[in-house]
PDB file of N, CA and C in Angstrom:
ATOM      1  N   MET A   1      33.708 -15.751  -8.310  1.00  0.00           N
ATOM      2  CA  MET A   1      32.971 -16.122  -7.119  1.00  0.00           C
ATOM      3  C   MET A   1      33.794 -17.042  -6.228  1.00  0.00           C
ATOM      4  N   ASN A   2      34.574 -17.946  -6.833  1.00  0.00           N
ATOM      5  CA  ASN A   2      35.370 -18.879  -6.049  1.00  0.00           C
ATOM      6  C   ASN A   2      36.430 -18.161  -5.228  1.00  0.00           C
ATOM      7  N   GLY A   3      36.922 -17.031  -5.724  1.00  0.00           N
ATOM      8  CA  GLY A   3      37.954 -16.306  -5.012  1.00  0.00           C
ATOM      9  C   GLY A   3      37.416 -15.422  -3.901  1.00  0.00           C
ATOM     10  N   ALA A   4      36.118 -15.202  -3.849  1.00  0.00           N
ATOM     11  CA  ALA A   4      35.541 -14.296  -2.857  1.00  0.00           C
ATOM     12  C   ALA A   4      35.518 -14.916  -1.466  1.00  0.00           C
ATOM     13  N   LEU A   5      35.195 -16.187  -1.367  1.00  0.00           N
ATOM     14  CA  LEU A   5      35.085 -16.819  -0.061  1.00  0.00           C
ATOM     15  C   LEU A   5      36.413 -16.848   0.690  1.00  0.00           C
ATOM     16  N   PRO A   6      37.520 -17.269   0.088  1.00  0.00           N
ATOM     17  CA  PRO A   6      38.793 -17.219   0.820  1.00  0.00           C
ATOM     18  C   PRO A   6      39.166 -15.786   1.220  1.00  0.00           C
ATOM     19  N   PHE A   7      38.833 -14.821   0.375  1.00  0.00           N
ATOM     20  CA  PHE A   7      39.105 -13.420   0.701  1.00  0.00           C
ATOM     21  C   PHE A   7      38.359 -13.009   1.965  1.00  0.00           C
ATOM     22  N   LEU A   8      37.083 -13.385   2.067  1.00  0.00           N
ATOM     23  CA  LEU A   8      36.292 -13.020   3.246  1.00  0.00           C
ATOM     24  C   LEU A   8      36.771 -13.751   4.494  1.00  0.00           C
ATOM     25  N   LEU A   9      37.222 -14.977   4.334  1.00  0.00           N
ATOM     26  CA  LEU A   9      37.702 -15.742   5.480  1.00  0.00           C
ATOM     27  C   LEU A   9      39.016 -15.197   6.020  1.00  0.00           C
ATOM     28  N   ASP A  10      39.806 -14.531   5.183  1.00  0.00           N
ATOM     29  CA  ASP A  10      41.087 -13.976   5.604  1.00  0.00           C
ATOM     30  C   ASP A  10      40.941 -12.647   6.344  1.00  0.00           C
ATOM     31  N   LEU A  11      39.766 -12.037   6.306  1.00  0.00           N
ATOM     32  CA  LEU A  11      39.579 -10.733   6.956  1.00  0.00           C
ATOM     33  C   LEU A  11      39.424 -10.899   8.459  1.00  0.00           C
ATOM     34  N   ASN A  12      39.988  -9.950   9.207  1.00  0.00           N
ATOM     35  CA  ASN A  12      39.731  -9.958  10.642  1.00  0.00           C
ATOM     36  C   ASN A  12      38.385  -9.269  10.886  1.00  0.00           C
ATOM     37  N   SER A  13      37.924  -9.277  12.108  1.00  0.00           N
ATOM     38  CA  SER A  13      36.579  -8.773  12.402  1.00  0.00           C
ATOM     39  C   SER A  13      36.435  -7.287  12.086  1.00  0.00           C
ATOM     40  N   GLU A  14      37.477  -6.500  12.314  1.00  0.00           N
ATOM     41  CA  GLU A  14      37.399  -5.064  12.026  1.00  0.00           C
ATOM     42  C   GLU A  14      37.297  -4.811  10.525  1.00  0.00           C
ATOM     43  N   GLU A  15      38.087  -5.539   9.742  1.00  0.00           N
ATOM     44  CA  GLU A  15      38.033  -5.377   8.285  1.00  0.00           C
ATOM     45  C   GLU A  15      36.686  -5.851   7.725  1.00  0.00           C
ATOM     46  N   LEU A  16      36.168  -6.928   8.284  1.00  0.00           N
ATOM     47  CA  LEU A  16      34.870  -7.431   7.842  1.00  0.00           C
ATOM     48  C   LEU A  16      33.763  -6.430   8.173  1.00  0.00           C
ATOM     49  N   TYR A  17      33.842  -5.829   9.346  1.00  0.00           N
ATOM     50  CA  TYR A  17      32.865  -4.808   9.732  1.00  0.00           C
ATOM     51  C   TYR A  17      32.931  -3.621   8.779  1.00  0.00           C
ATOM     52  N   MET A  18      34.128  -3.173   8.447  1.00  0.00           N
ATOM     53  CA  MET A  18      34.284  -2.055   7.513  1.00  0.00           C
ATOM     54  C   MET A  18      33.696  -2.407   6.146  1.00  0.00           C
ATOM     55  N   LEU A  19      33.933  -3.623   5.696  1.00  0.00           N
ATOM     56  CA  LEU A  19      33.415  -4.055   4.401  1.00  0.00           C
ATOM     57  C   LEU A  19      31.883  -4.097   4.408  1.00  0.00           C
ATOM     58  N   LEU A  20      31.308  -4.593   5.489  1.00  0.00           N
ATOM     59  CA  LEU A  20      29.849  -4.679   5.577  1.00  0.00           C
ATOM     60  C   LEU A  20      29.195  -3.312   5.709  1.00  0.00           C
ATOM     61  N   THR A  21      29.857  -2.363   6.367  1.00  0.00           N
ATOM     62  CA  THR A  21      29.271  -1.025   6.488  1.00  0.00           C
ATOM     63  C   THR A  21      29.354  -0.261   5.181  1.00  0.00           C
ATOM     64  N   LEU A  22      30.257  -0.656   4.301  1.00  0.00           N
ATOM     65  CA  LEU A  22      30.333  -0.009   2.995  1.00  0.00           C
ATOM     66  C   LEU A  22      29.163  -0.407   2.105  1.00  0.00           C
ATOM     67  N   TYR A  23      28.618  -1.589   2.337  1.00  0.00           N
ATOM     68  CA  TYR A  23      27.476  -2.037   1.550  1.00  0.00           C
ATOM     69  C   TYR A  23      26.250  -1.276   2.034  1.00  0.00           C
ATOM     70  N   ASP A  24      25.663  -0.501   1.159  1.00  0.00           N
ATOM     71  CA  ASP A  24      24.529   0.344   1.523  1.00  0.00           C
ATOM     72  C   ASP A  24      23.222  -0.382   1.212  1.00  0.00           C
ATOM     73  N   HIS A  25      22.530  -0.777   2.261  1.00  0.00           N
ATOM     74  CA  HIS A  25      21.235  -1.424   2.083  1.00  0.00           C
ATOM     75  C   HIS A  25      20.195  -0.371   1.738  1.00  0.00           C
ATOM     76  N   PRO A  26      19.341  -0.629   0.757  1.00  0.00           N
ATOM     77  CA  PRO A  26      18.288   0.350   0.456  1.00  0.00           C
ATOM     78  C   PRO A  26      17.286   0.410   1.607  1.00  0.00           C
ATOM     79  N   GLU A  27      16.904   1.606   1.955  1.00  0.00           N
ATOM     80  CA  GLU A  27      15.944   1.766   3.039  1.00  0.00           C
ATOM     81  C   GLU A  27      14.546   1.500   2.511  1.00  0.00           C
ATOM     82  N   ARG A  28      13.839   0.624   3.150  1.00  0.00           N
ATOM     83  CA  ARG A  28      12.488   0.264   2.737  1.00  0.00           C
ATOM     84  C   ARG A  28      11.491   0.915   3.700  1.00  0.00           C
ATOM     85  N   PRO A  29      10.356   1.366   3.169  1.00  0.00           N
ATOM     86  CA  PRO A  29       9.365   1.964   4.064  1.00  0.00           C
ATOM     87  C   PRO A  29       8.762   0.908   4.984  1.00  0.00           C
ATOM     88  N   VAL A  30       8.439   1.318   6.180  1.00  0.00           N
ATOM     89  CA  VAL A  30       7.803   0.427   7.131  1.00  0.00           C
ATOM     90  C   VAL A  30       6.302   0.470   6.863  1.00  0.00           C
ATOM     91  N   ILE A  31       5.742  -0.670   6.525  1.00  0.00           N
ATOM     92  CA  ILE A  31       4.311  -0.748   6.245  1.00  0.00           C
ATOM     93  C   ILE A  31       3.604  -1.021   7.565  1.00  0.00           C
ATOM     94  N   PRO A  32       2.696  -0.127   7.969  1.00  0.00           N
ATOM     95  CA  PRO A  32       2.041  -0.318   9.263  1.00  0.00           C
ATOM     96  C   PRO A  32       1.183  -1.583   9.270  1.00  0.00           C
ATOM     97  N   ASP A  33       1.147  -2.238  10.410  1.00  0.00           N
ATOM     98  CA  ASP A  33       0.383  -3.473  10.556  1.00  0.00           C
ATOM     99  C   ASP A  33      -1.030  -3.130  11.014  1.00  0.00           C
ATOM    100  N   ILE A  34      -1.783  -2.494  10.134  1.00  0.00           N
ATOM    101  CA  ILE A  34      -3.166  -2.130  10.433  1.00  0.00           C
ATOM    102  C   ILE A  34      -4.031  -2.549   9.260  1.00  0.00           C
ATOM    103  N   ARG A  35      -5.311  -2.596   9.486  1.00  0.00           N
ATOM    104  CA  ARG A  35      -6.263  -2.807   8.408  1.00  0.00           C
ATOM    105  C   ARG A  35      -7.249  -1.655   8.437  1.00  0.00           C
ATOM    106  N   PHE A  36      -7.636  -1.233   7.264  1.00  0.00           N
ATOM    107  CA  PHE A  36      -8.535  -0.101   7.113  1.00  0.00           C
ATOM    108  C   PHE A  36      -9.935  -0.484   7.581  1.00  0.00           C
ATOM    109  N   ASN A  37     -10.560   0.419   8.359  1.00  0.00           N
ATOM    110  CA  ASN A  37     -11.912   0.196   8.848  1.00  0.00           C
ATOM    111  C   ASN A  37     -12.700   1.483   8.662  1.00  0.00           C
ATOM    112  N   LEU A  38     -13.533   1.519   7.648  1.00  0.00           N
ATOM    113  CA  LEU A  38     -14.311   2.718   7.344  1.00  0.00           C
ATOM    114  C   LEU A  38     -15.297   3.038   8.457  1.00  0.00           C
ATOM    115  N   ALA A  39     -15.852   2.024   9.101  1.00  0.00           N
ATOM    116  CA  ALA A  39     -16.853   2.236  10.145  1.00  0.00           C
ATOM    117  C   ALA A  39     -16.288   2.998  11.340  1.00  0.00           C
ATOM    118  N   SER A  40     -14.989   2.927  11.548  1.00  0.00           N
ATOM    119  CA  SER A  40     -14.391   3.627  12.690  1.00  0.00           C
ATOM    120  C   SER A  40     -14.070   5.087  12.378  1.00  0.00           C
ATOM    121  N   MET A  41     -14.287   5.512  11.138  1.00  0.00           N
ATOM    122  CA  MET A  41     -13.988   6.891  10.740  1.00  0.00           C
ATOM    123  C   MET A  41     -15.158   7.811  11.043  1.00  0.00           C
ATOM    124  N   ALA A  42     -14.840   9.016  11.463  1.00  0.00           N
ATOM    125  CA  ALA A  42     -15.872  10.037  11.627  1.00  0.00           C
ATOM    126  C   ALA A  42     -16.247  10.578  10.248  1.00  0.00           C
ATOM    127  N   ASP A  43     -17.479  11.060  10.129  1.00  0.00           N
ATOM    128  CA  ASP A  43     -17.936  11.594   8.840  1.00  0.00           C
ATOM    129  C   ASP A  43     -17.065  12.752   8.365  1.00  0.00           C
ATOM    130  N   ALA A  44     -16.631  13.597   9.298  1.00  0.00           N
ATOM    131  CA  ALA A  44     -15.801  14.750   8.924  1.00  0.00           C
ATOM    132  C   ALA A  44     -14.474  14.289   8.319  1.00  0.00           C
ATOM    133  N   ASN A  45     -13.878  13.263   8.909  1.00  0.00           N
ATOM    134  CA  ASN A  45     -12.619  12.734   8.372  1.00  0.00           C
ATOM    135  C   ASN A  45     -12.835  12.058   7.018  1.00  0.00           C
ATOM    136  N   ALA A  46     -13.938  11.338   6.892  1.00  0.00           N
ATOM    137  CA  ALA A  46     -14.227  10.674   5.616  1.00  0.00           C
ATOM    138  C   ALA A  46     -14.445  11.708   4.515  1.00  0.00           C
ATOM    139  N   GLU A  47     -15.158  12.777   4.827  1.00  0.00           N
ATOM    140  CA  GLU A  47     -15.381  13.832   3.830  1.00  0.00           C
ATOM    141  C   GLU A  47     -14.074  14.493   3.426  1.00  0.00           C
ATOM    142  N   LYS A  48     -13.189  14.664   4.387  1.00  0.00           N
ATOM    143  CA  LYS A  48     -11.903  15.292   4.080  1.00  0.00           C
ATOM    144  C   LYS A  48     -11.030  14.392   3.206  1.00  0.00           C
ATOM    145  N   GLU A  49     -11.054  13.092   3.463  1.00  0.00           N
ATOM    146  CA  GLU A  49     -10.182  12.170   2.726  1.00  0.00           C
ATOM    147  C   GLU A  49     -10.784  11.653   1.428  1.00  0.00           C
ATOM    148  N   PHE A  50     -12.111  11.467   1.407  1.00  0.00           N
ATOM    149  CA  PHE A  50     -12.747  10.828   0.249  1.00  0.00           C
ATOM    150  C   PHE A  50     -13.763  11.719  -0.467  1.00  0.00           C
ATOM    151  N   ARG A  51     -14.064  12.885   0.112  1.00  0.00           N
ATOM    152  CA  ARG A  51     -15.086  13.809  -0.397  1.00  0.00           C
ATOM    153  C   ARG A  51     -16.501  13.271  -0.270  1.00  0.00           C
ATOM    154  N   PHE A  52     -16.671  12.231   0.504  1.00  0.00           N
ATOM    155  CA  PHE A  52     -17.985  11.663   0.808  1.00  0.00           C
ATOM    156  C   PHE A  52     -17.986  11.273   2.273  1.00  0.00           C
ATOM    157  N   ASP A  53     -19.169  11.355   2.917  1.00  0.00           N
ATOM    158  CA  ASP A  53     -19.247  10.857   4.288  1.00  0.00           C
ATOM    159  C   ASP A  53     -19.273   9.327   4.249  1.00  0.00           C
ATOM    160  N   VAL A  54     -19.299   8.701   5.417  1.00  0.00           N
ATOM    161  CA  VAL A  54     -19.202   7.241   5.496  1.00  0.00           C
ATOM    162  C   VAL A  54     -20.365   6.587   4.758  1.00  0.00           C
ATOM    163  N   ARG A  55     -21.582   7.099   4.968  1.00  0.00           N
ATOM    164  CA  ARG A  55     -22.743   6.523   4.274  1.00  0.00           C
ATOM    165  C   ARG A  55     -22.625   6.697   2.764  1.00  0.00           C
ATOM    166  N   GLY A  56     -22.085   7.827   2.332  1.00  0.00           N
ATOM    167  CA  GLY A  56     -21.901   8.064   0.904  1.00  0.00           C
ATOM    168  C   GLY A  56     -20.914   7.095   0.280  1.00  0.00           C
ATOM    169  N   VAL A  57     -19.839   6.807   0.993  1.00  0.00           N
ATOM    170  CA  VAL A  57     -18.844   5.838   0.491  1.00  0.00           C
ATOM    171  C   VAL A  57     -19.470   4.450   0.399  1.00  0.00           C
ATOM    172  N   LEU A  58     -20.231   4.071   1.418  1.00  0.00           N
ATOM    173  CA  LEU A  58     -20.891   2.762   1.391  1.00  0.00           C
ATOM    174  C   LEU A  58     -21.906   2.682   0.253  1.00  0.00           C
ATOM    175  N   GLU A  59     -22.609   3.783   0.010  1.00  0.00           N
ATOM    176  CA  GLU A  59     -23.576   3.826  -1.089  1.00  0.00           C
ATOM    177  C   GLU A  59     -22.865   3.704  -2.443  1.00  0.00           C
ATOM    178  N   LEU A  60     -21.738   4.385  -2.589  1.00  0.00           N
ATOM    179  CA  LEU A  60     -20.962   4.260  -3.831  1.00  0.00           C
ATOM    180  C   LEU A  60     -20.473   2.828  -4.037  1.00  0.00           C
ATOM    181  N   ALA A  61     -20.015   2.203  -2.963  1.00  0.00           N
ATOM    182  CA  ALA A  61     -19.550   0.814  -3.067  1.00  0.00           C
ATOM    183  C   ALA A  61     -20.696  -0.098  -3.491  1.00  0.00           C
ATOM    184  N   ARG A  62     -21.908   0.204  -3.045  1.00  0.00           N
ATOM    185  CA  ARG A  62     -23.072  -0.595  -3.449  1.00  0.00           C
ATOM    186  C   ARG A  62     -23.442  -0.326  -4.909  1.00  0.00           C
ATOM    187  N   LEU A  63     -23.430   0.957  -5.308  1.00  0.00           N
ATOM    188  CA  LEU A  63     -23.837   1.325  -6.664  1.00  0.00           C
ATOM    189  C   LEU A  63     -22.814   0.914  -7.726  1.00  0.00           C
ATOM    190  N   PHE A  64     -21.536   0.961  -7.397  1.00  0.00           N
ATOM    191  CA  PHE A  64     -20.502   0.555  -8.355  1.00  0.00           C
ATOM    192  C   PHE A  64     -20.555  -0.942  -8.652  1.00  0.00           C
ATOM    193  N   GLU A  65     -21.085  -1.717  -7.715  1.00  0.00           N
ATOM    194  CA  GLU A  65     -21.231  -3.169  -7.833  1.00  0.00           C
ATOM    195  C   GLU A  65     -19.929  -3.909  -8.154  1.00  0.00           C
ATOM    196  N   PRO A  66     -18.843  -3.601  -7.440  1.00  0.00           N
ATOM    197  CA  PRO A  66     -17.643  -4.432  -7.642  1.00  0.00           C
ATOM    198  C   PRO A  66     -17.853  -5.776  -6.950  1.00  0.00           C
ATOM    199  N   PRO A  67     -17.006  -6.752  -7.206  1.00  0.00           N
ATOM    200  CA  PRO A  67     -17.120  -8.010  -6.459  1.00  0.00           C
ATOM    201  C   PRO A  67     -16.869  -7.758  -4.967  1.00  0.00           C
ATOM    202  N   GLU A  68     -17.355  -8.650  -4.131  1.00  0.00           N
ATOM    203  CA  GLU A  68     -17.233  -8.474  -2.674  1.00  0.00           C
ATOM    204  C   GLU A  68     -15.774  -8.277  -2.257  1.00  0.00           C
ATOM    205  N   PHE A  69     -14.874  -9.060  -2.851  1.00  0.00           N
ATOM    206  CA  PHE A  69     -13.445  -8.903  -2.612  1.00  0.00           C
ATOM    207  C   PHE A  69     -12.748  -8.645  -3.939  1.00  0.00           C
ATOM    208  N   VAL A  70     -11.992  -7.566  -3.998  1.00  0.00           N
ATOM    209  CA  VAL A  70     -11.243  -7.197  -5.193  1.00  0.00           C
ATOM    210  C   VAL A  70      -9.876  -7.862  -5.085  1.00  0.00           C
ATOM    211  N   ILE A  71      -9.531  -8.684  -6.081  1.00  0.00           N
ATOM    212  CA  ILE A  71      -8.261  -9.415  -6.070  1.00  0.00           C
ATOM    213  C   ILE A  71      -7.511  -9.080  -7.352  1.00  0.00           C
ATOM    214  N   THR A  72      -6.300  -8.556  -7.196  1.00  0.00           N
ATOM    215  CA  THR A  72      -5.489  -8.183  -8.357  1.00  0.00           C
ATOM    216  C   THR A  72      -4.746  -9.401  -8.896  1.00  0.00           C
ATOM    217  N   SER A  73      -4.071  -9.216 -10.015  1.00  0.00           N
ATOM    218  CA  SER A  73      -3.287 -10.311 -10.601  1.00  0.00           C
ATOM    219  C   SER A  73      -2.102 -10.695  -9.717  1.00  0.00           C
ATOM    220  N   GLU A  74      -1.671  -9.776  -8.855  1.00  0.00           N
ATOM    221  CA  GLU A  74      -0.573 -10.056  -7.924  1.00  0.00           C
ATOM    222  C   GLU A  74      -1.084 -10.594  -6.586  1.00  0.00           C
ATOM    223  N   ARG A  75      -2.368 -10.913  -6.541  1.00  0.00           N
ATOM    224  CA  ARG A  75      -3.047 -11.492  -5.373  1.00  0.00           C
ATOM    225  C   ARG A  75      -3.192 -10.532  -4.196  1.00  0.00           C
ATOM    226  N   ASP A  76      -3.228  -9.239  -4.486  1.00  0.00           N
ATOM    227  CA  ASP A  76      -3.602  -8.275  -3.453  1.00  0.00           C
ATOM    228  C   ASP A  76      -5.110  -8.388  -3.298  1.00  0.00           C
ATOM    229  N   LYS A  77      -5.568  -8.485  -2.069  1.00  0.00           N
ATOM    230  CA  LYS A  77      -6.992  -8.696  -1.829  1.00  0.00           C
ATOM    231  C   LYS A  77      -7.508  -7.603  -0.908  1.00  0.00           C
ATOM    232  N   ALA A  78      -8.627  -6.980  -1.306  1.00  0.00           N
ATOM    233  CA  ALA A  78      -9.241  -5.939  -0.485  1.00  0.00           C
ATOM    234  C   ALA A  78     -10.750  -6.074  -0.587  1.00  0.00           C
ATOM    235  N   HIS A  79     -11.425  -5.753   0.505  1.00  0.00           N
ATOM    236  CA  HIS A  79     -12.882  -5.714   0.483  1.00  0.00           C
ATOM    237  C   HIS A  79     -13.308  -4.587  -0.447  1.00  0.00           C
ATOM    238  N   LYS A  80     -14.486  -4.705  -1.033  1.00  0.00           N
ATOM    239  CA  LYS A  80     -14.927  -3.711  -2.013  1.00  0.00           C
ATOM    240  C   LYS A  80     -14.990  -2.309  -1.424  1.00  0.00           C
ATOM    241  N   THR A  81     -15.338  -2.185  -0.146  1.00  0.00           N
ATOM    242  CA  THR A  81     -15.392  -0.867   0.487  1.00  0.00           C
ATOM    243  C   THR A  81     -14.007  -0.247   0.569  1.00  0.00           C
ATOM    244  N   GLU A  82     -13.015  -1.042   0.947  1.00  0.00           N
ATOM    245  CA  GLU A  82     -11.646  -0.533   1.016  1.00  0.00           C
ATOM    246  C   GLU A  82     -11.138  -0.162  -0.370  1.00  0.00           C
ATOM    247  N   ALA A  83     -11.459  -0.970  -1.373  1.00  0.00           N
ATOM    248  CA  ALA A  83     -11.019  -0.674  -2.737  1.00  0.00           C
ATOM    249  C   ALA A  83     -11.631   0.633  -3.234  1.00  0.00           C
ATOM    250  N   VAL A  84     -12.905   0.865  -2.942  1.00  0.00           N
ATOM    251  CA  VAL A  84     -13.556   2.121  -3.337  1.00  0.00           C
ATOM    252  C   VAL A  84     -12.927   3.283  -2.579  1.00  0.00           C
ATOM    253  N   CYS A  85     -12.589   3.088  -1.315  1.00  0.00           N
ATOM    254  CA  CYS A  85     -11.928   4.146  -0.535  1.00  0.00           C
ATOM    255  C   CYS A  85     -10.551   4.474  -1.110  1.00  0.00           C
ATOM    256  N   ILE A  86      -9.814   3.466  -1.547  1.00  0.00           N
ATOM    257  CA  ILE A  86      -8.510   3.706  -2.177  1.00  0.00           C
ATOM    258  C   ILE A  86      -8.701   4.531  -3.444  1.00  0.00           C
ATOM    259  N   LEU A  87      -9.697   4.178  -4.234  1.00  0.00           N
ATOM    260  CA  LEU A  87      -9.994   4.924  -5.458  1.00  0.00           C
ATOM    261  C   LEU A  87     -10.360   6.370  -5.135  1.00  0.00           C
ATOM    262  N   LEU A  88     -11.264   6.568  -4.174  1.00  0.00           N
ATOM    263  CA  LEU A  88     -11.708   7.920  -3.830  1.00  0.00           C
ATOM    264  C   LEU A  88     -10.581   8.746  -3.224  1.00  0.00           C
ATOM    265  N   ALA A  89      -9.765   8.132  -2.376  1.00  0.00           N
ATOM    266  CA  ALA A  89      -8.654   8.868  -1.757  1.00  0.00           C
ATOM    267  C   ALA A  89      -7.660   9.324  -2.812  1.00  0.00           C
ATOM    268  N   ARG A  90      -7.413   8.480  -3.779  1.00  0.00           N
ATOM    269  CA  ARG A  90      -6.450   8.811  -4.835  1.00  0.00           C
ATOM    270  C   ARG A  90      -6.990   9.893  -5.759  1.00  0.00           C
ATOM    271  N   LEU A  91      -8.310   9.886  -5.996  1.00  0.00           N
ATOM    272  CA  LEU A  91      -8.914  10.863  -6.898  1.00  0.00           C
ATOM    273  C   LEU A  91      -9.282  12.178  -6.212  1.00  0.00           C
ATOM    274  N   SER A  92      -9.445  12.159  -4.894  1.00  0.00           N
ATOM    275  CA  SER A  92      -9.908  13.365  -4.203  1.00  0.00           C
ATOM    276  C   SER A  92      -8.828  14.430  -4.075  1.00  0.00           C
ATOM    277  N   TYR A  93      -7.588  14.006  -4.026  1.00  0.00           N
ATOM    278  CA  TYR A  93      -6.490  14.942  -3.817  1.00  0.00           C
ATOM    279  C   TYR A  93      -5.236  14.327  -4.427  1.00  0.00           C
ATOM    280  N   PRO A  94      -4.397  15.126  -5.059  1.00  0.00           N
ATOM    281  CA  PRO A  94      -3.189  14.541  -5.676  1.00  0.00           C
ATOM    282  C   PRO A  94      -2.159  14.121  -4.627  1.00  0.00           C
ATOM    283  N   ASN A  95      -2.336  12.926  -4.082  1.00  0.00           N
ATOM    284  CA  ASN A  95      -1.376  12.413  -3.108  1.00  0.00           C
ATOM    285  C   ASN A  95      -0.683  11.184  -3.676  1.00  0.00           C
ATOM    286  N   ARG A  96       0.392  10.806  -3.026  1.00  0.00           N
ATOM    287  CA  ARG A  96       1.178   9.656  -3.474  1.00  0.00           C
ATOM    288  C   ARG A  96       0.711   8.405  -2.740  1.00  0.00           C
ATOM    289  N   ASN A  97       0.994   7.270  -3.348  1.00  0.00           N
ATOM    290  CA  ASN A  97       0.652   6.008  -2.690  1.00  0.00           C
ATOM    291  C   ASN A  97       1.402   5.871  -1.370  1.00  0.00           C
ATOM    292  N   TYR A  98       2.591   6.426  -1.311  1.00  0.00           N
ATOM    293  CA  TYR A  98       3.368   6.386  -0.070  1.00  0.00           C
ATOM    294  C   TYR A  98       2.624   7.115   1.050  1.00  0.00           C
ATOM    295  N   ASP A  99       1.969   8.230   0.714  1.00  0.00           N
ATOM    296  CA  ASP A  99       1.218   8.987   1.713  1.00  0.00           C
ATOM    297  C   ASP A  99      -0.014   8.222   2.196  1.00  0.00           C
ATOM    298  N   MET A 100      -0.572   7.389   1.351  1.00  0.00           N
ATOM    299  CA  MET A 100      -1.776   6.627   1.702  1.00  0.00           C
ATOM    300  C   MET A 100      -1.448   5.357   2.488  1.00  0.00           C
ATOM    301  N   MET A 101      -0.179   5.028   2.565  1.00  0.00           N
ATOM    302  CA  MET A 101       0.260   3.807   3.225  1.00  0.00           C
ATOM    303  C   MET A 101      -0.180   3.765   4.691  1.00  0.00           C
ATOM    304  N   GLN A 102      -0.095   4.887   5.386  1.00  0.00           N
ATOM    305  CA  GLN A 102      -0.459   4.927   6.804  1.00  0.00           C
ATOM    306  C   GLN A 102      -1.951   4.692   7.014  1.00  0.00           C
ATOM    307  N   ARG A 103      -2.765   5.188   6.115  1.00  0.00           N
ATOM    308  CA  ARG A 103      -4.216   5.052   6.254  1.00  0.00           C
ATOM    309  C   ARG A 103      -4.686   3.626   5.989  1.00  0.00           C
ATOM    310  N   PHE A 104      -4.158   3.004   4.941  1.00  0.00           N
ATOM    311  CA  PHE A 104      -4.672   1.711   4.503  1.00  0.00           C
ATOM    312  C   PHE A 104      -3.824   0.521   4.952  1.00  0.00           C
ATOM    313  N   GLY A 105      -2.625   0.762   5.452  1.00  0.00           N
ATOM    314  CA  GLY A 105      -1.785  -0.336   5.931  1.00  0.00           C
ATOM    315  C   GLY A 105      -1.330  -1.267   4.818  1.00  0.00           C
ATOM    316  N   ARG A 106      -1.069  -0.697   3.654  1.00  0.00           N
ATOM    317  CA  ARG A 106      -0.614  -1.480   2.503  1.00  0.00           C
ATOM    318  C   ARG A 106       0.594  -0.803   1.883  1.00  0.00           C
ATOM    319  N   SER A 107       1.379  -1.571   1.159  1.00  0.00           N
ATOM    320  CA  SER A 107       2.554  -1.009   0.496  1.00  0.00           C
ATOM    321  C   SER A 107       2.109  -0.098  -0.646  1.00  0.00           C
ATOM    322  N   PRO A 108       2.961   0.860  -1.025  1.00  0.00           N
ATOM    323  CA  PRO A 108       2.610   1.727  -2.155  1.00  0.00           C
ATOM    324  C   PRO A 108       2.327   0.955  -3.441  1.00  0.00           C
ATOM    325  N   SER A 109       3.067  -0.116  -3.676  1.00  0.00           N
ATOM    326  CA  SER A 109       2.827  -0.892  -4.899  1.00  0.00           C
ATOM    327  C   SER A 109       1.481  -1.620  -4.839  1.00  0.00           C
ATOM    328  N   ALA A 110       1.101  -2.130  -3.666  1.00  0.00           N
ATOM    329  CA  ALA A 110      -0.210  -2.783  -3.529  1.00  0.00           C
ATOM    330  C   ALA A 110      -1.331  -1.766  -3.718  1.00  0.00           C
ATOM    331  N   LEU A 111      -1.155  -0.561  -3.176  1.00  0.00           N
ATOM    332  CA  LEU A 111      -2.162   0.490  -3.367  1.00  0.00           C
ATOM    333  C   LEU A 111      -2.297   0.844  -4.840  1.00  0.00           C
ATOM    334  N   SER A 112      -1.192   0.912  -5.541  1.00  0.00           N
ATOM    335  CA  SER A 112      -1.228   1.221  -6.967  1.00  0.00           C
ATOM    336  C   SER A 112      -1.962   0.135  -7.747  1.00  0.00           C
ATOM    337  N   ARG A 113      -1.668  -1.113  -7.434  1.00  0.00           N
ATOM    338  CA  ARG A 113      -2.329  -2.217  -8.128  1.00  0.00           C
ATOM    339  C   ARG A 113      -3.827  -2.245  -7.839  1.00  0.00           C
ATOM    340  N   LEU A 114      -4.210  -2.008  -6.581  1.00  0.00           N
ATOM    341  CA  LEU A 114      -5.630  -1.996  -6.233  1.00  0.00           C
ATOM    342  C   LEU A 114      -6.351  -0.835  -6.902  1.00  0.00           C
ATOM    343  N   PHE A 115      -5.717   0.335  -6.933  1.00  0.00           N
ATOM    344  CA  PHE A 115      -6.312   1.500  -7.593  1.00  0.00           C
ATOM    345  C   PHE A 115      -6.536   1.211  -9.074  1.00  0.00           C
ATOM    346  N   SER A 116      -5.543   0.674  -9.730  1.00  0.00           N
ATOM    347  CA  SER A 116      -5.672   0.356 -11.160  1.00  0.00           C
ATOM    348  C   SER A 116      -6.744  -0.698 -11.400  1.00  0.00           C
ATOM    349  N   HIS A 117      -6.783  -1.696 -10.522  1.00  0.00           N
ATOM    350  CA  HIS A 117      -7.731  -2.795 -10.708  1.00  0.00           C
ATOM    351  C   HIS A 117      -9.172  -2.329 -10.511  1.00  0.00           C
ATOM    352  N   ILE A 118      -9.436  -1.568  -9.460  1.00  0.00           N
ATOM    353  CA  ILE A 118     -10.810  -1.101  -9.225  1.00  0.00           C
ATOM    354  C   ILE A 118     -11.221  -0.118 -10.317  1.00  0.00           C
ATOM    355  N   GLY A 119     -10.279   0.683 -10.800  1.00  0.00           N
ATOM    356  CA  GLY A 119     -10.581   1.583 -11.914  1.00  0.00           C
ATOM    357  C   GLY A 119     -10.943   0.817 -13.169  1.00  0.00           C
ATOM    358  N   THR A 120     -10.229  -0.270 -13.431  1.00  0.00           N
ATOM    359  CA  THR A 120     -10.525  -1.115 -14.591  1.00  0.00           C
ATOM    360  C   THR A 120     -11.889  -1.783 -14.441  1.00  0.00           C
ATOM    361  N   ILE A 121     -12.200  -2.248 -13.243  1.00  0.00           N
ATOM    362  CA  ILE A 121     -13.503  -2.883 -12.999  1.00  0.00           C
ATOM    363  C   ILE A 121     -14.630  -1.893 -13.276  1.00  0.00           C
ATOM    364  N   LEU A 122     -14.464  -0.658 -12.842  1.00  0.00           N
ATOM    365  CA  LEU A 122     -15.523   0.337 -13.008  1.00  0.00           C
ATOM    366  C   LEU A 122     -15.673   0.778 -14.458  1.00  0.00           C
ATOM    367  N   LEU A 123     -14.606   0.724 -15.234  1.00  0.00           N
ATOM    368  CA  LEU A 123     -14.693   1.125 -16.639  1.00  0.00           C
ATOM    369  C   LEU A 123     -15.332   0.054 -17.515  1.00  0.00           C
ATOM    370  N   VAL A 124     -15.245  -1.191 -17.099  1.00  0.00           N
ATOM    371  CA  VAL A 124     -15.773  -2.293 -17.923  1.00  0.00           C
ATOM    372  C   VAL A 124     -17.247  -2.467 -17.716  1.00  0.00           C
TER     373      VAL A 124
END
């Protein structure tokens, strides 16, 4: 490590640019800055995505009786309606968490944690 700094200081700008372009940064997905709002969905869209209309999803959220806010061990927090929608979307069609990212405005890992957590709540 001690020898790296003098090496970098000896490089001219063109050599430094070449060295930095060789380092391949992993491309990360862009997480949309939105929040899910079931009330703004049309019934036809809700049926297509969740297999229930908006009233049906709200009724399921009431009947399942999850806590008002579902909080995972990693501190992902979602309203019970959104958590039920994540569960229904994942179960209604074999899609990836990456595909659901645009709808819910959450990272694939957060969607996975919320799906697992709400599933665990419903099984207990």
